[in-house]
Amino acid sequence: MELKKNLAISDTGFVFDANSGESYSLNPIGLEILNYLKQGLKDDEIREKIMEKYDVDASTFDLVYFDFIRTLQQFDLFEKS
């Protein structure tokens, strides 16, 4: 999945979708994940990076990460295929 190209993402976790006019706020880890997605990293690459940096096991990461991805999908922040 690829994030919309017109998303404005600030260093403080503020996200603005120019298409819809909606804005969102992310915590630091959400921002980190969103930046990894923007760089084009795949799910397993993101899992590896987060697990190296934070004290989290794979099953907990997967549960929280894929919930976050579903939320991004609900907010229509990914490009249409």
PDB file of N, CA and C in Angstrom:
ATOM      1  N   MET A   1       0.831  -1.181   0.000  1.00  0.00           N
ATOM      2  CA  MET A   1       0.000   0.000   0.000  1.00  0.00           C
ATOM      3  C   MET A   1       0.875   1.243   0.000  1.00  0.00           C
ATOM      4  N   GLU A   2       0.432   2.211  -0.741  1.00  0.00           N
ATOM      5  CA  GLU A   2       1.187   3.445  -0.853  1.00  0.00           C
ATOM      6  C   GLU A   2       0.349   4.595  -0.297  1.00  0.00           C
ATOM      7  N   LEU A   3       0.967   5.400   0.546  1.00  0.00           N
ATOM      8  CA  LEU A   3       0.280   6.565   1.080  1.00  0.00           C
ATOM      9  C   LEU A   3       0.004   7.565  -0.028  1.00  0.00           C
ATOM     10  N   LYS A   4      -1.041   8.351   0.127  1.00  0.00           N
ATOM     11  CA  LYS A   4      -1.319   9.403  -0.839  1.00  0.00           C
ATOM     12  C   LYS A   4      -0.126  10.338  -0.917  1.00  0.00           C
ATOM     13  N   LYS A   5       0.174  10.779  -2.104  1.00  0.00           N
ATOM     14  CA  LYS A   5       1.329  11.634  -2.321  1.00  0.00           C
ATOM     15  C   LYS A   5       1.127  13.046  -1.781  1.00  0.00           C
ATOM     16  N   ASN A   6      -0.120  13.470  -1.675  1.00  0.00           N
ATOM     17  CA  ASN A   6      -0.374  14.848  -1.264  1.00  0.00           C
ATOM     18  C   ASN A   6      -0.560  15.011   0.246  1.00  0.00           C
ATOM     19  N   LEU A   7      -0.205  13.988   1.028  1.00  0.00           N
ATOM     20  CA  LEU A   7      -0.279  14.123   2.476  1.00  0.00           C
ATOM     21  C   LEU A   7       0.864  15.012   2.949  1.00  0.00           C
ATOM     22  N   ALA A   8       0.522  15.988   3.784  1.00  0.00           N
ATOM     23  CA  ALA A   8       1.538  16.821   4.412  1.00  0.00           C
ATOM     24  C   ALA A   8       1.746  16.271   5.821  1.00  0.00           C
ATOM     25  N   ILE A   9       2.977  15.918   6.129  1.00  0.00           N
ATOM     26  CA  ILE A   9       3.292  15.310   7.417  1.00  0.00           C
ATOM     27  C   ILE A   9       4.350  16.170   8.097  1.00  0.00           C
ATOM     28  N   SER A  10       4.014  16.719   9.257  1.00  0.00           N
ATOM     29  CA  SER A  10       4.974  17.556   9.977  1.00  0.00           C
ATOM     30  C   SER A  10       5.832  16.702  10.899  1.00  0.00           C
ATOM     31  N   ASP A  11       6.919  17.277  11.362  1.00  0.00           N
ATOM     32  CA  ASP A  11       7.816  16.583  12.288  1.00  0.00           C
ATOM     33  C   ASP A  11       7.180  16.366  13.656  1.00  0.00           C
ATOM     34  N   THR A  12       6.093  17.071  13.933  1.00  0.00           N
ATOM     35  CA  THR A  12       5.426  16.947  15.233  1.00  0.00           C
ATOM     36  C   THR A  12       4.268  15.960  15.212  1.00  0.00           C
ATOM     37  N   GLY A  13       3.999  15.333  14.045  1.00  0.00           N
ATOM     38  CA  GLY A  13       2.944  14.329  13.961  1.00  0.00           C
ATOM     39  C   GLY A  13       1.627  14.846  13.430  1.00  0.00           C
ATOM     40  N   PHE A  14       1.615  16.063  12.911  1.00  0.00           N
ATOM     41  CA  PHE A  14       0.409  16.618  12.304  1.00  0.00           C
ATOM     42  C   PHE A  14       0.356  16.166  10.854  1.00  0.00           C
ATOM     43  N   VAL A  15      -0.784  15.581  10.451  1.00  0.00           N
ATOM     44  CA  VAL A  15      -0.958  15.074   9.088  1.00  0.00           C
ATOM     45  C   VAL A  15      -2.135  15.799   8.464  1.00  0.00           C
ATOM     46  N   PHE A  16      -1.932  16.334   7.260  1.00  0.00           N
ATOM     47  CA  PHE A  16      -2.993  17.037   6.546  1.00  0.00           C
ATOM     48  C   PHE A  16      -3.208  16.379   5.202  1.00  0.00           C
ATOM     49  N   ASP A  17      -4.471  16.013   4.922  1.00  0.00           N
ATOM     50  CA  ASP A  17      -4.863  15.427   3.641  1.00  0.00           C
ATOM     51  C   ASP A  17      -5.460  16.548   2.800  1.00  0.00           C
ATOM     52  N   ALA A  18      -4.723  16.999   1.792  1.00  0.00           N
ATOM     53  CA  ALA A  18      -5.168  18.124   0.966  1.00  0.00           C
ATOM     54  C   ALA A  18      -6.422  17.794   0.163  1.00  0.00           C
ATOM     55  N   ASN A  19      -6.644  16.520  -0.164  1.00  0.00           N
ATOM     56  CA  ASN A  19      -7.839  16.149  -0.924  1.00  0.00           C
ATOM     57  C   ASN A  19      -9.108  16.351  -0.125  1.00  0.00           C
ATOM     58  N   SER A  20      -9.093  15.906   1.118  1.00  0.00           N
ATOM     59  CA  SER A  20     -10.310  15.963   1.926  1.00  0.00           C
ATOM     60  C   SER A  20     -10.364  17.186   2.836  1.00  0.00           C
ATOM     61  N   GLY A  21      -9.215  17.799   3.092  1.00  0.00           N
ATOM     62  CA  GLY A  21      -9.155  18.913   4.032  1.00  0.00           C
ATOM     63  C   GLY A  21      -9.085  18.457   5.481  1.00  0.00           C
ATOM     64  N   GLU A  22      -9.017  17.150   5.686  1.00  0.00           N
ATOM     65  CA  GLU A  22      -8.964  16.599   7.047  1.00  0.00           C
ATOM     66  C   GLU A  22      -7.542  16.652   7.581  1.00  0.00           C
ATOM     67  N   SER A  23      -7.445  16.764   8.893  1.00  0.00           N
ATOM     68  CA  SER A  23      -6.135  16.716   9.537  1.00  0.00           C
ATOM     69  C   SER A  23      -6.187  15.745  10.702  1.00  0.00           C
ATOM     70  N   TYR A  24      -5.033  15.206  11.023  1.00  0.00           N
ATOM     71  CA  TYR A  24      -4.916  14.172  12.051  1.00  0.00           C
ATOM     72  C   TYR A  24      -3.654  14.436  12.864  1.00  0.00           C
ATOM     73  N   SER A  25      -3.630  13.922  14.074  1.00  0.00           N
ATOM     74  CA  SER A  25      -2.443  14.003  14.924  1.00  0.00           C
ATOM     75  C   SER A  25      -1.983  12.599  15.275  1.00  0.00           C
ATOM     76  N   LEU A  26      -0.682  12.378  15.195  1.00  0.00           N
ATOM     77  CA  LEU A  26      -0.105  11.074  15.499  1.00  0.00           C
ATOM     78  C   LEU A  26       0.832  11.183  16.697  1.00  0.00           C
ATOM     79  N   ASN A  27       0.927  10.083  17.425  1.00  0.00           N
ATOM     80  CA  ASN A  27       1.947  10.027  18.472  1.00  0.00           C
ATOM     81  C   ASN A  27       3.288   9.740  17.793  1.00  0.00           C
ATOM     82  N   PRO A  28       4.406   9.819  18.527  1.00  0.00           N
ATOM     83  CA  PRO A  28       5.719   9.646  17.892  1.00  0.00           C
ATOM     84  C   PRO A  28       5.904   8.308  17.160  1.00  0.00           C
ATOM     85  N   ILE A  29       5.385   7.220  17.690  1.00  0.00           N
ATOM     86  CA  ILE A  29       5.559   5.932  17.004  1.00  0.00           C
ATOM     87  C   ILE A  29       4.675   5.865  15.766  1.00  0.00           C
ATOM     88  N   GLY A  30       3.467   6.394  15.835  1.00  0.00           N
ATOM     89  CA  GLY A  30       2.605   6.467  14.659  1.00  0.00           C
ATOM     90  C   GLY A  30       3.263   7.283  13.560  1.00  0.00           C
ATOM     91  N   LEU A  31       3.888   8.395  13.945  1.00  0.00           N
ATOM     92  CA  LEU A  31       4.602   9.232  12.983  1.00  0.00           C
ATOM     93  C   LEU A  31       5.771   8.469  12.359  1.00  0.00           C
ATOM     94  N   GLU A  32       6.491   7.738  13.188  1.00  0.00           N
ATOM     95  CA  GLU A  32       7.616   6.942  12.696  1.00  0.00           C
ATOM     96  C   GLU A  32       7.132   5.913  11.673  1.00  0.00           C
ATOM     97  N   ILE A  33       6.053   5.227  11.981  1.00  0.00           N
ATOM     98  CA  ILE A  33       5.503   4.226  11.062  1.00  0.00           C
ATOM     99  C   ILE A  33       5.016   4.888   9.776  1.00  0.00           C
ATOM    100  N   LEU A  34       4.335   6.013   9.891  1.00  0.00           N
ATOM    101  CA  LEU A  34       3.845   6.711   8.701  1.00  0.00           C
ATOM    102  C   LEU A  34       5.018   7.125   7.810  1.00  0.00           C
ATOM    103  N   ASN A  35       6.102   7.580   8.403  1.00  0.00           N
ATOM    104  CA  ASN A  35       7.278   7.949   7.614  1.00  0.00           C
ATOM    105  C   ASN A  35       7.896   6.725   6.938  1.00  0.00           C
ATOM    106  N   TYR A  36       7.897   5.578   7.616  1.00  0.00           N
ATOM    107  CA  TYR A  36       8.384   4.350   6.981  1.00  0.00           C
ATOM    108  C   TYR A  36       7.498   3.988   5.787  1.00  0.00           C
ATOM    109  N   LEU A  37       6.193   4.118   5.952  1.00  0.00           N
ATOM    110  CA  LEU A  37       5.275   3.833   4.846  1.00  0.00           C
ATOM    111  C   LEU A  37       5.526   4.793   3.686  1.00  0.00           C
ATOM    112  N   LYS A  38       5.742   6.057   4.002  1.00  0.00           N
ATOM    113  CA  LYS A  38       6.005   7.068   2.978  1.00  0.00           C
ATOM    114  C   LYS A  38       7.295   6.752   2.218  1.00  0.00           C
ATOM    115  N   GLN A  39       8.267   6.139   2.911  1.00  0.00           N
ATOM    116  CA  GLN A  39       9.526   5.733   2.276  1.00  0.00           C
ATOM    117  C   GLN A  39       9.352   4.476   1.418  1.00  0.00           C
ATOM    118  N   GLY A  40       8.191   3.828   1.518  1.00  0.00           N
ATOM    119  CA  GLY A  40       7.933   2.640   0.719  1.00  0.00           C
ATOM    120  C   GLY A  40       8.330   1.334   1.373  1.00  0.00           C
ATOM    121  N   LEU A  41       8.638   1.364   2.674  1.00  0.00           N
ATOM    122  CA  LEU A  41       8.997   0.130   3.363  1.00  0.00           C
ATOM    123  C   LEU A  41       7.790  -0.810   3.437  1.00  0.00           C
ATOM    124  N   LYS A  42       8.062  -2.089   3.370  1.00  0.00           N
ATOM    125  CA  LYS A  42       7.025  -3.121   3.468  1.00  0.00           C
ATOM    126  C   LYS A  42       6.750  -3.435   4.934  1.00  0.00           C
ATOM    127  N   ASP A  43       5.631  -4.120   5.183  1.00  0.00           N
ATOM    128  CA  ASP A  43       5.219  -4.437   6.554  1.00  0.00           C
ATOM    129  C   ASP A  43       6.312  -5.144   7.349  1.00  0.00           C
ATOM    130  N   ASP A  44       6.956  -6.133   6.734  1.00  0.00           N
ATOM    131  CA  ASP A  44       7.981  -6.881   7.470  1.00  0.00           C
ATOM    132  C   ASP A  44       9.217  -6.029   7.764  1.00  0.00           C
ATOM    133  N   GLU A  45       9.533  -5.095   6.875  1.00  0.00           N
ATOM    134  CA  GLU A  45      10.658  -4.186   7.115  1.00  0.00           C
ATOM    135  C   GLU A  45      10.339  -3.228   8.272  1.00  0.00           C
ATOM    136  N   ILE A  46       9.110  -2.762   8.306  1.00  0.00           N
ATOM    137  CA  ILE A  46       8.685  -1.875   9.389  1.00  0.00           C
ATOM    138  C   ILE A  46       8.694  -2.636  10.708  1.00  0.00           C
ATOM    139  N   ARG A  47       8.178  -3.868  10.699  1.00  0.00           N
ATOM    140  CA  ARG A  47       8.178  -4.701  11.907  1.00  0.00           C
ATOM    141  C   ARG A  47       9.595  -4.842  12.448  1.00  0.00           C
ATOM    142  N   GLU A  48      10.540  -5.154  11.569  1.00  0.00           N
ATOM    143  CA  GLU A  48      11.922  -5.356  11.979  1.00  0.00           C
ATOM    144  C   GLU A  48      12.501  -4.076  12.609  1.00  0.00           C
ATOM    145  N   LYS A  49      12.274  -2.935  11.977  1.00  0.00           N
ATOM    146  CA  LYS A  49      12.802  -1.672  12.493  1.00  0.00           C
ATOM    147  C   LYS A  49      12.213  -1.330  13.861  1.00  0.00           C
ATOM    148  N   ILE A  50      10.903  -1.497  14.003  1.00  0.00           N
ATOM    149  CA  ILE A  50      10.246  -1.155  15.273  1.00  0.00           C
ATOM    150  C   ILE A  50      10.676  -2.123  16.370  1.00  0.00           C
ATOM    151  N   MET A  51      10.783  -3.400  16.046  1.00  0.00           N
ATOM    152  CA  MET A  51      11.178  -4.389  17.055  1.00  0.00           C
ATOM    153  C   MET A  51      12.627  -4.201  17.484  1.00  0.00           C
ATOM    154  N   GLU A  52      13.482  -3.703  16.583  1.00  0.00           N
ATOM    155  CA  GLU A  52      14.862  -3.413  16.959  1.00  0.00           C
ATOM    156  C   GLU A  52      14.940  -2.226  17.921  1.00  0.00           C
ATOM    157  N   LYS A  53      14.076  -1.264  17.705  1.00  0.00           N
ATOM    158  CA  LYS A  53      14.141  -0.007  18.451  1.00  0.00           C
ATOM    159  C   LYS A  53      13.364  -0.047  19.768  1.00  0.00           C
ATOM    160  N   TYR A  54      12.254  -0.781  19.807  1.00  0.00           N
ATOM    161  CA  TYR A  54      11.373  -0.793  20.969  1.00  0.00           C
ATOM    162  C   TYR A  54      11.237  -2.212  21.531  1.00  0.00           C
ATOM    163  N   ASP A  55      10.882  -2.291  22.781  1.00  0.00           N
ATOM    164  CA  ASP A  55      10.692  -3.577  23.453  1.00  0.00           C
ATOM    165  C   ASP A  55       9.280  -4.092  23.173  1.00  0.00           C
ATOM    166  N   VAL A  56       9.117  -4.735  22.016  1.00  0.00           N
ATOM    167  CA  VAL A  56       7.811  -5.252  21.613  1.00  0.00           C
ATOM    168  C   VAL A  56       8.018  -6.579  20.896  1.00  0.00           C
ATOM    169  N   ASP A  57       7.117  -7.533  21.157  1.00  0.00           N
ATOM    170  CA  ASP A  57       7.211  -8.824  20.464  1.00  0.00           C
ATOM    171  C   ASP A  57       6.407  -8.766  19.164  1.00  0.00           C
ATOM    172  N   ALA A  58       6.644  -9.730  18.302  1.00  0.00           N
ATOM    173  CA  ALA A  58       6.046  -9.729  16.964  1.00  0.00           C
ATOM    174  C   ALA A  58       4.521  -9.765  16.999  1.00  0.00           C
ATOM    175  N   SER A  59       3.934 -10.568  17.868  1.00  0.00           N
ATOM    176  CA  SER A  59       2.470 -10.673  17.883  1.00  0.00           C
ATOM    177  C   SER A  59       1.831  -9.366  18.359  1.00  0.00           C
ATOM    178  N   THR A  60       2.432  -8.725  19.354  1.00  0.00           N
ATOM    179  CA  THR A  60       1.892  -7.440  19.814  1.00  0.00           C
ATOM    180  C   THR A  60       2.052  -6.380  18.740  1.00  0.00           C
ATOM    181  N   PHE A  61       3.228  -6.362  18.102  1.00  0.00           N
ATOM    182  CA  PHE A  61       3.437  -5.411  17.012  1.00  0.00           C
ATOM    183  C   PHE A  61       2.384  -5.598  15.934  1.00  0.00           C
ATOM    184  N   ASP A  62       2.200  -6.848  15.486  1.00  0.00           N
ATOM    185  CA  ASP A  62       1.241  -7.117  14.414  1.00  0.00           C
ATOM    186  C   ASP A  62      -0.164  -6.655  14.783  1.00  0.00           C
ATOM    187  N   LEU A  63      -0.580  -6.923  15.992  1.00  0.00           N
ATOM    188  CA  LEU A  63      -1.914  -6.532  16.436  1.00  0.00           C
ATOM    189  C   LEU A  63      -2.094  -5.022  16.346  1.00  0.00           C
ATOM    190  N   VAL A  64      -1.154  -4.284  16.898  1.00  0.00           N
ATOM    191  CA  VAL A  64      -1.263  -2.822  16.930  1.00  0.00           C
ATOM    192  C   VAL A  64      -1.014  -2.222  15.546  1.00  0.00           C
ATOM    193  N   TYR A  65      -0.022  -2.732  14.849  1.00  0.00           N
ATOM    194  CA  TYR A  65       0.327  -2.196  13.528  1.00  0.00           C
ATOM    195  C   TYR A  65      -0.821  -2.343  12.535  1.00  0.00           C
ATOM    196  N   PHE A  66      -1.403  -3.532  12.452  1.00  0.00           N
ATOM    197  CA  PHE A  66      -2.460  -3.727  11.461  1.00  0.00           C
ATOM    198  C   PHE A  66      -3.750  -3.006  11.851  1.00  0.00           C
ATOM    199  N   ASP A  67      -3.952  -2.760  13.132  1.00  0.00           N
ATOM    200  CA  ASP A  67      -5.055  -1.904  13.561  1.00  0.00           C
ATOM    201  C   ASP A  67      -4.804  -0.471  13.083  1.00  0.00           C
ATOM    202  N   PHE A  68      -3.575  -0.010  13.204  1.00  0.00           N
ATOM    203  CA  PHE A  68      -3.189   1.321  12.725  1.00  0.00           C
ATOM    204  C   PHE A  68      -3.390   1.423  11.211  1.00  0.00           C
ATOM    205  N   ILE A  69      -2.979   0.390  10.475  1.00  0.00           N
ATOM    206  CA  ILE A  69      -3.146   0.375   9.014  1.00  0.00           C
ATOM    207  C   ILE A  69      -4.626   0.442   8.643  1.00  0.00           C
ATOM    208  N   ARG A  70      -5.470  -0.312   9.358  1.00  0.00           N
ATOM    209  CA  ARG A  70      -6.921  -0.264   9.092  1.00  0.00           C
ATOM    210  C   ARG A  70      -7.470   1.142   9.345  1.00  0.00           C
ATOM    211  N   THR A  71      -6.962   1.800  10.358  1.00  0.00           N
ATOM    212  CA  THR A  71      -7.401   3.169  10.644  1.00  0.00           C
ATOM    213  C   THR A  71      -7.000   4.103   9.503  1.00  0.00           C
ATOM    214  N   LEU A  72      -5.779   3.965   9.011  1.00  0.00           N
ATOM    215  CA  LEU A  72      -5.348   4.777   7.873  1.00  0.00           C
ATOM    216  C   LEU A  72      -6.225   4.510   6.654  1.00  0.00           C
ATOM    217  N   GLN A  73      -6.608   3.254   6.455  1.00  0.00           N
ATOM    218  CA  GLN A  73      -7.493   2.906   5.335  1.00  0.00           C
ATOM    219  C   GLN A  73      -8.869   3.542   5.520  1.00  0.00           C
ATOM    220  N   GLN A  74      -9.388   3.507   6.743  1.00  0.00           N
ATOM    221  CA  GLN A  74     -10.695   4.110   7.013  1.00  0.00           C
ATOM    222  C   GLN A  74     -10.676   5.605   6.737  1.00  0.00           C
ATOM    223  N   PHE A  75      -9.556   6.250   7.015  1.00  0.00           N
ATOM    224  CA  PHE A  75      -9.425   7.682   6.753  1.00  0.00           C
ATOM    225  C   PHE A  75      -9.042   7.969   5.308  1.00  0.00           C
ATOM    226  N   ASP A  76      -8.961   6.912   4.485  1.00  0.00           N
ATOM    227  CA  ASP A  76      -8.688   7.021   3.049  1.00  0.00           C
ATOM    228  C   ASP A  76      -7.350   7.711   2.780  1.00  0.00           C
ATOM    229  N   LEU A  77      -6.308   7.285   3.481  1.00  0.00           N
ATOM    230  CA  LEU A  77      -4.996   7.908   3.337  1.00  0.00           C
ATOM    231  C   LEU A  77      -4.051   7.148   2.406  1.00  0.00           C
ATOM    232  N   PHE A  78      -4.545   6.078   1.790  1.00  0.00           N
ATOM    233  CA  PHE A  78      -3.745   5.318   0.845  1.00  0.00           C
ATOM    234  C   PHE A  78      -4.221   5.601  -0.570  1.00  0.00           C
ATOM    235  N   GLU A  79      -3.297   5.498  -1.526  1.00  0.00           N
ATOM    236  CA  GLU A  79      -3.650   5.638  -2.947  1.00  0.00           C
ATOM    237  C   GLU A  79      -4.595   4.510  -3.337  1.00  0.00           C
ATOM    238  N   LYS A  80      -5.474   4.804  -4.241  1.00  0.00           N
ATOM    239  CA  LYS A  80      -6.368   3.780  -4.792  1.00  0.00           C
ATOM    240  C   LYS A  80      -5.594   2.908  -5.761  1.00  0.00           C
ATOM    241  N   SER A  81      -5.861   1.616  -5.719  1.00  0.00           N
ATOM    242  CA  SER A  81      -5.152   0.685  -6.630  1.00  0.00           C
ATOM    243  C   SER A  81      -5.787   0.668  -7.984  1.00  0.00           C
TER     244      SER A  81
END
